[in-house]
All heavy atoms as atom14 arrays in JSON, in Angstrom:
{
  "sequence": "ESGGGLVQPGGSLRLSCAASGSIFSINAMGWYRQGSGKQRE",
  "atom14_mask": [
    [1, 1, 1, 1, 1, 1, 1, 1, 1, 0, 0, 0, 0, 0],
    [1, 1, 1, 1, 1, 1, 0, 0, 0, 0, 0, 0, 0, 0],
    [1, 1, 1, 1, 0, 0, 0, 0, 0, 0, 0, 0, 0, 0],
    [1, 1, 1, 1, 0, 0, 0, 0, 0, 0, 0, 0, 0, 0],
    [1, 1, 1, 1, 0, 0, 0, 0, 0, 0, 0, 0, 0, 0],
    [1, 1, 1, 1, 1, 1, 1, 1, 0, 0, 0, 0, 0, 0],
    [1, 1, 1, 1, 1, 1, 1, 0, 0, 0, 0, 0, 0, 0],
    [1, 1, 1, 1, 1, 1, 1, 1, 1, 0, 0, 0, 0, 0],
    [1, 1, 1, 1, 1, 1, 1, 0, 0, 0, 0, 0, 0, 0],
    [1, 1, 1, 1, 0, 0, 0, 0, 0, 0, 0, 0, 0, 0],
    [1, 1, 1, 1, 0, 0, 0, 0, 0, 0, 0, 0, 0, 0],
    [1, 1, 1, 1, 1, 1, 0, 0, 0, 0, 0, 0, 0, 0],
    [1, 1, 1, 1, 1, 1, 1, 1, 0, 0, 0, 0, 0, 0],
    [1, 1, 1, 1, 1, 1, 1, 1, 1, 1, 1, 0, 0, 0],
    [1, 1, 1, 1, 1, 1, 1, 1, 0, 0, 0, 0, 0, 0],
    [1, 1, 1, 1, 1, 1, 0, 0, 0, 0, 0, 0, 0, 0],
    [1, 1, 1, 1, 1, 1, 0, 0, 0, 0, 0, 0, 0, 0],
    [1, 1, 1, 1, 1, 0, 0, 0, 0, 0, 0, 0, 0, 0],
    [1, 1, 1, 1, 1, 0, 0, 0, 0, 0, 0, 0, 0, 0],
    [1, 1, 1, 1, 1, 1, 0, 0, 0, 0, 0, 0, 0, 0],
    [1, 1, 1, 1, 0, 0, 0, 0, 0, 0, 0, 0, 0, 0],
    [1, 1, 1, 1, 1, 1, 0, 0, 0, 0, 0, 0, 0, 0],
    [1, 1, 1, 1, 1, 1, 1, 1, 0, 0, 0, 0, 0, 0],
    [1, 1, 1, 1, 1, 1, 1, 1, 1, 1, 1, 0, 0, 0],
    [1, 1, 1, 1, 1, 1, 0, 0, 0, 0, 0, 0, 0, 0],
    [1, 1, 1, 1, 1, 1, 1, 1, 0, 0, 0, 0, 0, 0],
    [1, 1, 1, 1, 1, 1, 1, 1, 0, 0, 0, 0, 0, 0],
    [1, 1, 1, 1, 1, 0, 0, 0, 0, 0, 0, 0, 0, 0],
    [1, 1, 1, 1, 1, 1, 1, 1, 0, 0, 0, 0, 0, 0],
    [1, 1, 1, 1, 0, 0, 0, 0, 0, 0, 0, 0, 0, 0],
    [1, 1, 1, 1, 1, 1, 1, 1, 1, 1, 1, 1, 1, 1],
    [1, 1, 1, 1, 1, 1, 1, 1, 1, 1, 1, 1, 0, 0],
    [1, 1, 1, 1, 1, 1, 1, 1, 1, 1, 1, 0, 0, 0],
    [1, 1, 1, 1, 1, 1, 1, 1, 1, 0, 0, 0, 0, 0],
    [1, 1, 1, 1, 0, 0, 0, 0, 0, 0, 0, 0, 0, 0],
    [1, 1, 1, 1, 1, 1, 0, 0, 0, 0, 0, 0, 0, 0],
    [1, 1, 1, 1, 0, 0, 0, 0, 0, 0, 0, 0, 0, 0],
    [1, 1, 1, 1, 1, 1, 1, 1, 1, 0, 0, 0, 0, 0],
    [1, 1, 1, 1, 1, 1, 1, 1, 1, 0, 0, 0, 0, 0],
    [1, 1, 1, 1, 1, 1, 1, 1, 1, 1, 1, 0, 0, 0],
    [1, 1, 1, 1, 1, 1, 1, 1, 1, 0, 0, 0, 0, 0]
  ],
  "atom14_positions": [
    [[96.56, 96.02, 112.41], [95.84, 96.19, 111.14], [94.64, 95.26, 111.09], [94.67, 94.18, 111.7], [96.78, 95.92, 109.94], [97.99, 96.79, 109.89], [98.91, 96.44, 108.76], [98.43, 95.84, 107.79], [100.08, 96.84, 108.79], [0.0, 0.0, 0.0], [0.0, 0.0, 0.0], [0.0, 0.0, 0.0], [0.0, 0.0, 0.0], [0.0, 0.0, 0.0]],
    [[93.65, 95.64, 110.32], [92.48, 94.84, 110.07], [91.87, 95.19, 108.78], [92.17, 96.28, 108.19], [91.49, 94.93, 111.2], [91.01, 96.27, 111.32], [0.0, 0.0, 0.0], [0.0, 0.0, 0.0], [0.0, 0.0, 0.0], [0.0, 0.0, 0.0], [0.0, 0.0, 0.0], [0.0, 0.0, 0.0], [0.0, 0.0, 0.0], [0.0, 0.0, 0.0]],
    [[91.0, 94.36, 108.25], [90.25, 94.65, 107.05], [90.63, 93.94, 105.82], [89.93, 94.03, 104.8], [0.0, 0.0, 0.0], [0.0, 0.0, 0.0], [0.0, 0.0, 0.0], [0.0, 0.0, 0.0], [0.0, 0.0, 0.0], [0.0, 0.0, 0.0], [0.0, 0.0, 0.0], [0.0, 0.0, 0.0], [0.0, 0.0, 0.0], [0.0, 0.0, 0.0]],
    [[91.72, 93.23, 105.84], [92.16, 92.49, 104.67], [91.27, 91.25, 104.48], [90.45, 90.89, 105.27], [0.0, 0.0, 0.0], [0.0, 0.0, 0.0], [0.0, 0.0, 0.0], [0.0, 0.0, 0.0], [0.0, 0.0, 0.0], [0.0, 0.0, 0.0], [0.0, 0.0, 0.0], [0.0, 0.0, 0.0], [0.0, 0.0, 0.0], [0.0, 0.0, 0.0]],
    [[91.48, 90.63, 103.32], [90.72, 89.44, 103.0], [90.69, 89.17, 101.54], [91.44, 89.73, 100.73], [0.0, 0.0, 0.0], [0.0, 0.0, 0.0], [0.0, 0.0, 0.0], [0.0, 0.0, 0.0], [0.0, 0.0, 0.0], [0.0, 0.0, 0.0], [0.0, 0.0, 0.0], [0.0, 0.0, 0.0], [0.0, 0.0, 0.0], [0.0, 0.0, 0.0]],
    [[89.75, 88.29, 101.16], [89.57, 87.87, 99.78], [88.4, 88.67, 99.16], [87.33, 88.79, 99.74], [89.28, 86.4, 99.66], [88.95, 85.85, 98.3], [90.17, 85.94, 97.36], [88.53, 84.38, 98.41], [0.0, 0.0, 0.0], [0.0, 0.0, 0.0], [0.0, 0.0, 0.0], [0.0, 0.0, 0.0], [0.0, 0.0, 0.0], [0.0, 0.0, 0.0]],
    [[88.63, 89.24, 97.97], [87.6, 90.03, 97.32], [87.72, 89.75, 95.81], [88.78, 89.43, 95.27], [87.76, 91.54, 97.63], [89.1, 92.01, 97.05], [86.6, 92.31, 97.06], [0.0, 0.0, 0.0], [0.0, 0.0, 0.0], [0.0, 0.0, 0.0], [0.0, 0.0, 0.0], [0.0, 0.0, 0.0], [0.0, 0.0, 0.0], [0.0, 0.0, 0.0]],
    [[86.6, 89.87, 95.13], [86.53, 89.66, 93.66], [87.04, 90.9, 92.97], [86.96, 92.01, 93.49], [85.13, 89.32, 93.23], [84.59, 88.02, 93.78], [83.2, 87.72, 93.24], [82.79, 88.21, 92.22], [82.49, 86.84, 93.99], [0.0, 0.0, 0.0], [0.0, 0.0, 0.0], [0.0, 0.0, 0.0], [0.0, 0.0, 0.0], [0.0, 0.0, 0.0]],
    [[87.55, 90.71, 91.74], [87.91, 91.91, 90.95], [86.74, 92.88, 90.84], [85.59, 92.5, 90.64], [88.27, 91.32, 89.59], [88.72, 89.92, 89.91], [87.82, 89.45, 91.03], [0.0, 0.0, 0.0], [0.0, 0.0, 0.0], [0.0, 0.0, 0.0], [0.0, 0.0, 0.0], [0.0, 0.0, 0.0], [0.0, 0.0, 0.0], [0.0, 0.0, 0.0]],
    [[87.05, 94.15, 90.96], [86.0, 95.17, 90.97], [85.45, 95.53, 92.35], [84.72, 96.47, 92.48], [0.0, 0.0, 0.0], [0.0, 0.0, 0.0], [0.0, 0.0, 0.0], [0.0, 0.0, 0.0], [0.0, 0.0, 0.0], [0.0, 0.0, 0.0], [0.0, 0.0, 0.0], [0.0, 0.0, 0.0], [0.0, 0.0, 0.0], [0.0, 0.0, 0.0]],
    [[85.79, 94.68, 93.33], [85.24, 94.88, 94.64], [85.99, 95.88, 95.45], [86.93, 96.56, 94.98], [0.0, 0.0, 0.0], [0.0, 0.0, 0.0], [0.0, 0.0, 0.0], [0.0, 0.0, 0.0], [0.0, 0.0, 0.0], [0.0, 0.0, 0.0], [0.0, 0.0, 0.0], [0.0, 0.0, 0.0], [0.0, 0.0, 0.0], [0.0, 0.0, 0.0]],
    [[85.6, 96.01, 96.71], [86.21, 97.02, 97.61], [86.55, 96.44, 98.91], [85.97, 95.46, 99.4], [85.21, 98.19, 97.82], [84.85, 98.85, 96.61], [0.0, 0.0, 0.0], [0.0, 0.0, 0.0], [0.0, 0.0, 0.0], [0.0, 0.0, 0.0], [0.0, 0.0, 0.0], [0.0, 0.0, 0.0], [0.0, 0.0, 0.0], [0.0, 0.0, 0.0]],
    [[87.59, 97.01, 99.57], [87.95, 96.7, 100.92], [88.37, 97.99, 101.6], [88.81, 98.94, 101.01], [89.12, 95.75, 100.98], [88.89, 94.28, 100.62], [90.22, 93.52, 100.59], [87.96, 93.63, 101.68], [0.0, 0.0, 0.0], [0.0, 0.0, 0.0], [0.0, 0.0, 0.0], [0.0, 0.0, 0.0], [0.0, 0.0, 0.0], [0.0, 0.0, 0.0]],
    [[88.18, 97.96, 102.92], [88.63, 99.09, 103.76], [89.58, 98.56, 104.82], [89.17, 97.78, 105.67], [87.44, 99.82, 104.4], [87.88, 101.13, 105.07], [86.76, 101.71, 105.92], [87.01, 103.1, 106.31], [86.54, 103.65, 107.43], [85.76, 102.95, 108.23], [86.83, 104.9, 107.72], [0.0, 0.0, 0.0], [0.0, 0.0, 0.0], [0.0, 0.0, 0.0]],
    [[90.79, 99.02, 104.79], [91.79, 98.6, 105.75], [91.89, 99.63, 106.88], [91.71, 100.82, 106.62], [93.19, 98.49, 105.07], [93.29, 97.57, 103.87], [94.73, 97.51, 103.43], [92.76, 96.21, 104.18], [0.0, 0.0, 0.0], [0.0, 0.0, 0.0], [0.0, 0.0, 0.0], [0.0, 0.0, 0.0], [0.0, 0.0, 0.0], [0.0, 0.0, 0.0]],
    [[92.1, 99.15, 108.07], [92.29, 100.0, 109.22], [93.57, 99.68, 109.92], [94.0, 98.51, 109.95], [91.12, 99.84, 110.19], [89.88, 100.24, 109.58], [0.0, 0.0, 0.0], [0.0, 0.0, 0.0], [0.0, 0.0, 0.0], [0.0, 0.0, 0.0], [0.0, 0.0, 0.0], [0.0, 0.0, 0.0], [0.0, 0.0, 0.0], [0.0, 0.0, 0.0]],
    [[94.15, 100.65, 110.54], [95.35, 100.43, 111.32], [95.31, 101.37, 112.51], [95.31, 102.57, 112.38], [96.62, 100.71, 110.48], [98.17, 100.56, 111.42], [0.0, 0.0, 0.0], [0.0, 0.0, 0.0], [0.0, 0.0, 0.0], [0.0, 0.0, 0.0], [0.0, 0.0, 0.0], [0.0, 0.0, 0.0], [0.0, 0.0, 0.0], [0.0, 0.0, 0.0]],
    [[95.26, 100.8, 113.74], [95.12, 101.55, 114.93], [96.4, 101.44, 115.79], [96.91, 100.34, 115.99], [93.92, 101.09, 115.73], [0.0, 0.0, 0.0], [0.0, 0.0, 0.0], [0.0, 0.0, 0.0], [0.0, 0.0, 0.0], [0.0, 0.0, 0.0], [0.0, 0.0, 0.0], [0.0, 0.0, 0.0], [0.0, 0.0, 0.0], [0.0, 0.0, 0.0]],
    [[96.86, 102.56, 116.27], [98.04, 102.59, 117.11], [97.62, 102.63, 118.58], [96.57, 103.23, 118.95], [98.89, 103.81, 116.81], [0.0, 0.0, 0.0], [0.0, 0.0, 0.0], [0.0, 0.0, 0.0], [0.0, 0.0, 0.0], [0.0, 0.0, 0.0], [0.0, 0.0, 0.0], [0.0, 0.0, 0.0], [0.0, 0.0, 0.0], [0.0, 0.0, 0.0]],
    [[98.38, 101.99, 119.43], [98.14, 102.03, 120.84], [99.47, 102.1, 121.57], [100.52, 101.82, 121.02], [97.38, 100.75, 121.3], [98.13, 99.56, 121.04], [0.0, 0.0, 0.0], [0.0, 0.0, 0.0], [0.0, 0.0, 0.0], [0.0, 0.0, 0.0], [0.0, 0.0, 0.0], [0.0, 0.0, 0.0], [0.0, 0.0, 0.0], [0.0, 0.0, 0.0]],
    [[99.39, 102.46, 122.87], [100.57, 102.58, 123.67], [100.72, 104.01, 124.16], [99.81, 104.86, 124.07], [0.0, 0.0, 0.0], [0.0, 0.0, 0.0], [0.0, 0.0, 0.0], [0.0, 0.0, 0.0], [0.0, 0.0, 0.0], [0.0, 0.0, 0.0], [0.0, 0.0, 0.0], [0.0, 0.0, 0.0], [0.0, 0.0, 0.0], [0.0, 0.0, 0.0]],
    [[101.88, 104.31, 124.71], [102.18, 105.63, 125.27], [102.63, 106.54, 124.14], [103.81, 106.64, 123.82], [103.23, 105.55, 126.34], [102.77, 104.71, 127.41], [0.0, 0.0, 0.0], [0.0, 0.0, 0.0], [0.0, 0.0, 0.0], [0.0, 0.0, 0.0], [0.0, 0.0, 0.0], [0.0, 0.0, 0.0], [0.0, 0.0, 0.0], [0.0, 0.0, 0.0]],
    [[101.66, 107.21, 123.52], [101.88, 108.03, 122.34], [101.59, 109.46, 122.63], [100.52, 109.82, 123.14], [101.04, 107.5, 121.2], [101.44, 106.07, 120.77], [101.16, 108.45, 120.01], [100.53, 105.44, 119.76], [0.0, 0.0, 0.0], [0.0, 0.0, 0.0], [0.0, 0.0, 0.0], [0.0, 0.0, 0.0], [0.0, 0.0, 0.0], [0.0, 0.0, 0.0]],
    [[102.54, 110.34, 122.32], [102.28, 111.77, 122.45], [101.58, 112.27, 121.21], [100.57, 113.01, 121.31], [103.58, 112.47, 122.67], [103.46, 114.0, 122.64], [102.94, 114.65, 123.71], [103.83, 114.75, 121.53], [102.75, 116.03, 123.75], [103.69, 116.1, 121.53], [103.14, 116.79, 122.62], [0.0, 0.0, 0.0], [0.0, 0.0, 0.0], [0.0, 0.0, 0.0]],
    [[102.13, 111.96, 120.04], [101.49, 112.39, 118.79], [101.98, 111.51, 117.67], [102.95, 110.74, 117.83], [101.77, 113.85, 118.49], [103.16, 114.03, 118.27], [0.0, 0.0, 0.0], [0.0, 0.0, 0.0], [0.0, 0.0, 0.0], [0.0, 0.0, 0.0], [0.0, 0.0, 0.0], [0.0, 0.0, 0.0], [0.0, 0.0, 0.0], [0.0, 0.0, 0.0]],
    [[101.32, 111.59, 116.52], [101.67, 110.86, 115.36], [101.78, 111.81, 114.18], [100.86, 112.58, 113.95], [100.64, 109.76, 115.03], [100.48, 108.82, 116.24], [101.08, 108.97, 113.81], [99.4, 107.77, 116.07], [0.0, 0.0, 0.0], [0.0, 0.0, 0.0], [0.0, 0.0, 0.0], [0.0, 0.0, 0.0], [0.0, 0.0, 0.0], [0.0, 0.0, 0.0]],
    [[102.87, 111.76, 113.51], [103.05, 112.62, 112.35], [102.48, 111.89, 111.11], [101.28, 111.7, 111.02], [104.56, 112.97, 112.22], [105.06, 113.79, 113.38], [104.34, 114.62, 113.93], [106.32, 113.58, 113.79], [0.0, 0.0, 0.0], [0.0, 0.0, 0.0], [0.0, 0.0, 0.0], [0.0, 0.0, 0.0], [0.0, 0.0, 0.0], [0.0, 0.0, 0.0]],
    [[103.31, 111.6, 110.18], [102.83, 110.99, 108.99], [102.31, 109.55, 109.22], [102.82, 108.83, 110.06], [103.92, 110.95, 107.9], [0.0, 0.0, 0.0], [0.0, 0.0, 0.0], [0.0, 0.0, 0.0], [0.0, 0.0, 0.0], [0.0, 0.0, 0.0], [0.0, 0.0, 0.0], [0.0, 0.0, 0.0], [0.0, 0.0, 0.0], [0.0, 0.0, 0.0]],
    [[101.28, 109.16, 108.47], [100.76, 107.85, 108.46], [100.75, 107.37, 106.99], [100.57, 108.19, 106.09], [99.34, 107.72, 109.01], [99.18, 108.21, 110.45], [97.46, 108.04, 111.01], [97.57, 108.57, 112.72], [0.0, 0.0, 0.0], [0.0, 0.0, 0.0], [0.0, 0.0, 0.0], [0.0, 0.0, 0.0], [0.0, 0.0, 0.0], [0.0, 0.0, 0.0]],
    [[100.84, 106.06, 106.79], [100.89, 105.61, 105.41], [100.63, 104.13, 105.3], [100.59, 103.4, 106.29], [0.0, 0.0, 0.0], [0.0, 0.0, 0.0], [0.0, 0.0, 0.0], [0.0, 0.0, 0.0], [0.0, 0.0, 0.0], [0.0, 0.0, 0.0], [0.0, 0.0, 0.0], [0.0, 0.0, 0.0], [0.0, 0.0, 0.0], [0.0, 0.0, 0.0]],
    [[100.45, 103.75, 104.06], [100.26, 102.36, 103.71], [101.28, 101.93, 102.63], [101.53, 102.72, 101.69], [98.87, 102.08, 103.15], [97.77, 102.2, 104.21], [97.04, 103.27, 104.53], [97.33, 101.15, 105.08], [96.17, 103.02, 105.54], [96.31, 101.71, 105.88], [97.68, 99.8, 105.25], [95.65, 100.97, 106.87], [97.01, 99.07, 106.18], [96.03, 99.64, 107.0]],
    [[101.81, 100.77, 102.77], [102.72, 100.18, 101.78], [102.26, 98.78, 101.47], [101.5, 98.2, 102.28], [104.14, 100.15, 102.32], [104.74, 101.54, 102.54], [104.35, 102.29, 103.68], [105.67, 102.1, 101.66], [104.89, 103.56, 103.9], [106.22, 103.37, 101.91], [105.78, 104.06, 103.03], [106.31, 105.29, 103.21], [0.0, 0.0, 0.0], [0.0, 0.0, 0.0]],
    [[102.67, 98.23, 100.36], [102.3, 96.9, 100.04], [103.45, 96.15, 99.4], [104.38, 96.76, 98.84], [101.09, 96.85, 99.11], [101.37, 97.29, 97.66], [100.08, 97.28, 96.87], [100.35, 97.51, 95.47], [99.37, 97.62, 94.54], [98.15, 97.59, 94.91], [99.7, 97.84, 93.25], [0.0, 0.0, 0.0], [0.0, 0.0, 0.0], [0.0, 0.0, 0.0]],
    [[103.41, 94.85, 99.47], [104.43, 94.0, 98.9], [103.78, 92.79, 98.3], [103.24, 91.91, 99.03], [105.46, 93.61, 99.91], [106.67, 92.84, 99.33], [107.81, 92.71, 100.33], [107.6, 92.86, 101.54], [109.0, 92.46, 99.84], [0.0, 0.0, 0.0], [0.0, 0.0, 0.0], [0.0, 0.0, 0.0], [0.0, 0.0, 0.0], [0.0, 0.0, 0.0]],
    [[103.77, 92.68, 96.96], [103.26, 91.51, 96.29], [104.32, 90.42, 96.29], [105.46, 90.65, 96.54], [0.0, 0.0, 0.0], [0.0, 0.0, 0.0], [0.0, 0.0, 0.0], [0.0, 0.0, 0.0], [0.0, 0.0, 0.0], [0.0, 0.0, 0.0], [0.0, 0.0, 0.0], [0.0, 0.0, 0.0], [0.0, 0.0, 0.0], [0.0, 0.0, 0.0]],
    [[103.88, 89.26, 95.91], [104.73, 88.1, 95.86], [105.87, 88.35, 94.83], [105.63, 88.67, 93.71], [103.96, 86.87, 95.48], [104.79, 85.71, 95.37], [0.0, 0.0, 0.0], [0.0, 0.0, 0.0], [0.0, 0.0, 0.0], [0.0, 0.0, 0.0], [0.0, 0.0, 0.0], [0.0, 0.0, 0.0], [0.0, 0.0, 0.0], [0.0, 0.0, 0.0]],
    [[107.1, 88.22, 95.3], [108.24, 88.45, 94.47], [108.52, 89.88, 94.06], [109.32, 90.14, 93.2], [0.0, 0.0, 0.0], [0.0, 0.0, 0.0], [0.0, 0.0, 0.0], [0.0, 0.0, 0.0], [0.0, 0.0, 0.0], [0.0, 0.0, 0.0], [0.0, 0.0, 0.0], [0.0, 0.0, 0.0], [0.0, 0.0, 0.0], [0.0, 0.0, 0.0]],
    [[107.84, 90.8, 94.74], [107.98, 92.23, 94.39], [108.65, 93.01, 95.54], [108.66, 92.52, 96.71], [106.64, 92.82, 94.08], [105.85, 92.12, 93.01], [106.53, 92.24, 91.66], [105.68, 91.6, 90.54], [106.35, 91.75, 89.22], [0.0, 0.0, 0.0], [0.0, 0.0, 0.0], [0.0, 0.0, 0.0], [0.0, 0.0, 0.0], [0.0, 0.0, 0.0]],
    [[109.09, 94.18, 95.25], [109.59, 95.08, 96.24], [108.4, 95.77, 96.98], [107.36, 95.99, 96.38], [110.51, 96.15, 95.62], [111.78, 95.58, 95.03], [112.68, 95.04, 96.02], [112.96, 95.65, 97.05], [113.27, 93.89, 95.73], [0.0, 0.0, 0.0], [0.0, 0.0, 0.0], [0.0, 0.0, 0.0], [0.0, 0.0, 0.0], [0.0, 0.0, 0.0]],
    [[108.65, 96.14, 98.21], [107.64, 96.88, 98.94], [107.52, 98.28, 98.28], [108.52, 98.94, 97.97], [108.03, 97.01, 100.4], [106.91, 97.69, 101.23], [107.2, 97.59, 102.71], [107.24, 96.18, 103.16], [107.31, 95.79, 104.43], [107.41, 96.69, 105.4], [107.35, 94.51, 104.75], [0.0, 0.0, 0.0], [0.0, 0.0, 0.0], [0.0, 0.0, 0.0]],
    [[106.3, 98.72, 98.07], [106.05, 99.98, 97.42], [105.06, 100.82, 98.16], [104.22, 100.31, 98.89], [105.58, 99.75, 95.96], [104.25, 99.01, 95.89], [103.79, 98.74, 94.43], [104.36, 99.35, 93.52], [102.88, 97.93, 94.27], [0.0, 0.0, 0.0], [0.0, 0.0, 0.0], [0.0, 0.0, 0.0], [0.0, 0.0, 0.0], [0.0, 0.0, 0.0]]
  ]
}
């Protein structure tokens, strides 16, 4: 993964996640997050 960082409220970020290795295909892709003291969502 890449693209994270510090941003001001109202700002924008673009996250990227690249897979590598011996891969035939990839089905679903997704993003999850976990805030401090929170469940992953």
